[in-house]
């Protein structure tokens, strides 16, 4: 069967705008994602804090109690186990873990007591009850408590199922990427 040359040319031209449109949309999406990433924007998909778009705001002072921060967890055996258990998402922090969004509840020199719940310098921390088992029935080992070392912070989330310093202890403040600022979020 012979197809007239005019028809073949017409078919080829119809495909080019489609490819050009797809290429343009792909480039726009990559550009938008890159700009958001390098502009400090992140999407939170965990229930520890409201879901949605957040921004990392540069912090030019030592972290303080009450700061809500983005932090890269240290490369420890506790973090590797937490990743294997599914408590932590994959991401671009050292060790292949996504940054955490947590509140700083204690800084260097403060005493943290971990029992049924958490106390800092003798004061109870709201919403800090401990889970003895995770959602799959595996035992959870709480941090035994103690004085937060120099250049470390103790982290917490009000979400009951949060994996935070109640279990992994203080973490180096050097891992703090910045303050966590809600941009467009939804708290279910």
Protein backbone atom coordinates (compact mmCIF):
# COMPACT_ATOMS: atom_id res chain seq x y z
CA UNK A 1 0.00 0.00 0.00
CA UNK A 2 1.37 3.38 -0.97
CA UNK A 3 0.72 6.37 1.26
CA UNK A 4 0.92 9.67 -0.53
CA UNK A 5 3.94 11.78 0.47
CA UNK A 6 1.68 14.64 1.57
CA UNK A 7 -0.06 12.43 4.14
CA UNK A 8 3.26 11.14 5.58
CA UNK A 9 4.58 14.67 6.05
CA UNK A 10 1.36 15.71 7.73
CA UNK A 11 1.57 12.82 10.22
CA UNK A 12 5.17 13.64 11.13
CA UNK A 13 4.34 17.28 11.80
CA UNK A 14 1.51 16.37 14.17
CA UNK A 15 3.91 14.32 16.35
CA UNK A 16 6.51 17.10 16.70
CA UNK A 17 4.30 19.54 18.66
CA UNK A 18 3.36 16.72 21.02
CA UNK A 19 7.02 15.84 21.67
CA UNK A 20 7.92 19.51 22.03
CA UNK A 21 5.06 19.99 24.51
CA UNK A 22 6.12 16.97 26.59
CA UNK A 23 9.74 18.11 26.59
CA UNK A 24 8.70 21.62 27.67
CA UNK A 25 6.49 20.29 30.48
CA UNK A 26 9.27 17.96 31.67
CA UNK A 27 11.82 20.79 31.70
CA UNK A 28 9.36 23.04 33.58
CA UNK A 29 8.72 20.32 36.18
CA UNK A 30 12.44 19.65 36.66
CA UNK A 31 13.10 23.39 36.92
CA UNK A 32 10.32 23.88 39.47
CA UNK A 33 11.48 20.94 41.60
CA UNK A 34 15.10 22.14 41.45
CA UNK A 35 14.14 25.68 42.42
CA UNK A 36 12.04 24.39 45.31
CA UNK A 37 14.81 22.06 46.51
CA UNK A 38 17.55 24.65 46.39
CA UNK A 39 15.18 27.28 47.82
CA UNK A 40 14.82 25.12 50.95
CA UNK A 41 11.31 23.81 50.28
CA UNK A 42 10.42 20.28 51.35
CA UNK A 43 7.28 18.18 51.40
CA UNK A 44 6.40 16.48 54.67
CA UNK A 45 4.56 13.20 54.25
CA UNK A 46 4.82 12.00 57.86
CA UNK A 47 2.27 12.58 60.62
CA UNK A 48 4.83 13.95 63.12
CA UNK A 49 3.97 17.45 61.89
CA UNK A 50 1.27 18.75 59.52
CA UNK A 51 1.43 17.29 56.02
CA UNK A 52 2.39 19.50 53.11
CA UNK A 53 4.92 22.07 51.97
CA UNK A 54 7.53 23.34 54.42
CA UNK A 55 10.54 25.61 54.11
CA UNK A 56 13.95 25.35 55.75
CA UNK A 57 14.81 28.79 57.14
CA UNK A 58 18.49 29.45 57.77
CA UNK A 59 19.30 29.78 61.46
CA UNK A 60 22.20 32.04 62.45
CA UNK A 61 22.21 31.32 66.16
CA UNK A 62 22.50 28.24 68.36
CA UNK A 63 19.29 26.23 68.51
CA UNK A 64 17.07 26.87 71.49
CA UNK A 65 14.32 25.07 73.37
CA UNK A 66 11.09 25.55 71.44
CA UNK A 67 12.69 25.70 67.99
CA UNK A 68 10.96 23.56 65.37
CA UNK A 69 13.82 22.37 63.17
CA UNK A 70 14.74 20.33 60.13
CA UNK A 71 17.57 18.03 61.14
CA UNK A 72 19.59 15.30 59.48
CA UNK A 73 19.82 12.40 61.92
CA UNK A 74 23.30 11.09 62.69
CA UNK A 75 24.60 7.89 61.12
CA UNK A 76 24.14 5.56 64.07
CA UNK A 77 23.04 1.98 64.52
CA UNK A 78 19.77 3.25 66.05
CA UNK A 79 19.04 5.26 62.89
CA UNK A 80 19.96 2.36 60.60
CA UNK A 81 17.59 0.09 62.55
CA UNK A 82 14.85 2.76 62.48
CA UNK A 83 15.25 3.00 58.70
CA UNK A 84 15.04 -0.79 58.33
CA UNK A 85 11.90 -0.85 60.50
CA UNK A 86 10.29 1.83 58.34
CA UNK A 87 10.24 4.63 60.95
CA UNK A 88 12.34 6.93 58.74
CA UNK A 89 11.97 7.73 55.05
CA UNK A 90 14.76 7.61 52.49
CA UNK A 91 16.32 10.96 51.71
CA UNK A 92 19.44 12.99 51.04
CA UNK A 93 20.87 13.22 54.56
CA UNK A 94 23.99 11.17 55.37
CA UNK A 95 22.98 7.55 55.73
CA UNK A 96 20.28 7.96 53.07
CA UNK A 97 17.62 9.25 55.49
CA UNK A 98 15.26 12.19 54.95
CA UNK A 99 15.53 15.18 57.30
CA UNK A 100 13.29 15.05 60.36
CA UNK A 101 11.01 17.87 61.54
CA UNK A 102 11.16 17.96 65.35
CA UNK A 103 10.95 20.39 68.26
CA UNK A 104 14.00 21.01 70.40
CA UNK A 105 12.93 20.34 74.01
CA UNK A 106 16.36 20.28 75.68
CA UNK A 107 19.82 21.63 74.92
CA UNK A 108 23.31 21.10 76.36
CA UNK A 109 23.40 20.86 80.14
CA UNK A 110 19.74 20.07 80.67
CA UNK A 111 18.71 16.86 82.44
CA UNK A 112 16.31 14.58 80.60
CA UNK A 113 14.48 11.84 82.49
CA UNK A 114 12.69 9.18 80.46
CA UNK A 115 10.15 6.98 82.22
CA UNK A 116 6.48 6.58 81.38
CA UNK A 117 6.90 10.02 79.82
CA UNK A 118 9.68 12.62 79.51
CA UNK A 119 10.74 15.27 82.03
CA UNK A 120 13.27 18.01 81.29
CA UNK A 121 14.88 19.56 84.38
CA UNK A 122 12.08 18.03 86.45
CA UNK A 123 9.25 19.48 84.34
CA UNK A 124 6.95 17.10 82.42
CA UNK A 125 6.90 17.39 78.63
CA UNK A 126 3.32 17.31 77.27
CA UNK A 127 2.44 14.48 74.88
CA UNK A 128 5.64 12.60 75.66
CA UNK A 129 4.31 9.18 76.67
CA UNK A 130 6.44 6.27 75.55
CA UNK A 131 5.38 3.31 73.48
CA UNK A 132 6.74 -0.05 74.61
CA UNK A 133 6.00 -1.59 71.19
CA UNK A 134 5.71 -0.19 67.69
CA UNK A 135 2.70 -0.63 65.40
CA UNK A 136 3.92 -4.09 64.38
CA UNK A 137 4.42 -5.30 67.96
CA UNK A 138 8.21 -4.97 67.97
CA UNK A 139 9.77 -3.78 71.24
CA UNK A 140 10.80 -0.12 71.48
CA UNK A 141 13.84 0.72 73.58
CA UNK A 142 13.61 4.11 75.27
CA UNK A 143 16.62 6.35 75.84
CA UNK A 144 17.68 5.92 79.48
CA UNK A 145 17.96 9.65 80.18
CA UNK A 146 20.79 11.86 81.33
CA UNK A 147 22.39 15.25 80.73
CA UNK A 148 22.30 16.54 77.15
CA UNK A 149 25.96 16.84 76.04
CA UNK A 150 27.56 20.00 74.67
CA UNK A 151 26.62 20.64 71.02
CA UNK A 152 23.67 18.20 71.19
CA UNK A 153 19.89 18.66 71.30
CA UNK A 154 17.01 16.49 72.51
CA UNK A 155 14.13 16.32 70.02
CA UNK A 156 10.43 15.64 70.39
CA UNK A 157 7.18 15.56 68.45
CA UNK A 158 3.71 15.71 70.01
CA UNK A 159 2.59 12.91 67.68
CA UNK A 160 2.36 9.78 69.84
CA UNK A 161 3.85 7.50 67.21
CA UNK A 162 6.81 9.76 66.50
CA UNK A 163 10.30 8.31 66.50
CA UNK A 164 12.31 10.96 68.31
CA UNK A 165 14.87 11.43 71.10
CA UNK A 166 12.63 9.51 73.51
CA UNK A 167 14.06 6.47 71.73
CA UNK A 168 17.32 7.52 70.04
CA UNK A 169 18.57 10.07 72.59
CA UNK A 170 20.23 13.44 72.00
CA UNK A 171 21.60 14.17 68.53
CA UNK A 172 24.36 16.51 67.32
CA UNK A 173 23.11 20.07 66.80
CA UNK A 174 25.44 20.19 63.77
CA UNK A 175 22.78 18.17 61.89
CA UNK A 176 20.27 21.04 62.10
CA UNK A 177 19.55 22.36 58.61
CA UNK A 178 17.44 25.28 59.82
CA UNK A 179 14.12 26.22 61.34
CA UNK A 180 11.04 24.47 59.95
CA UNK A 181 8.46 26.92 58.60
CA UNK A 182 5.03 25.81 57.39
CA UNK A 183 4.16 27.09 53.93
CA UNK A 184 1.08 25.16 52.82
CA UNK A 185 0.12 22.39 55.22
CA UNK A 186 -2.77 20.29 56.37
CA UNK A 187 -3.12 18.74 59.83
CA UNK A 188 -5.42 15.67 59.54
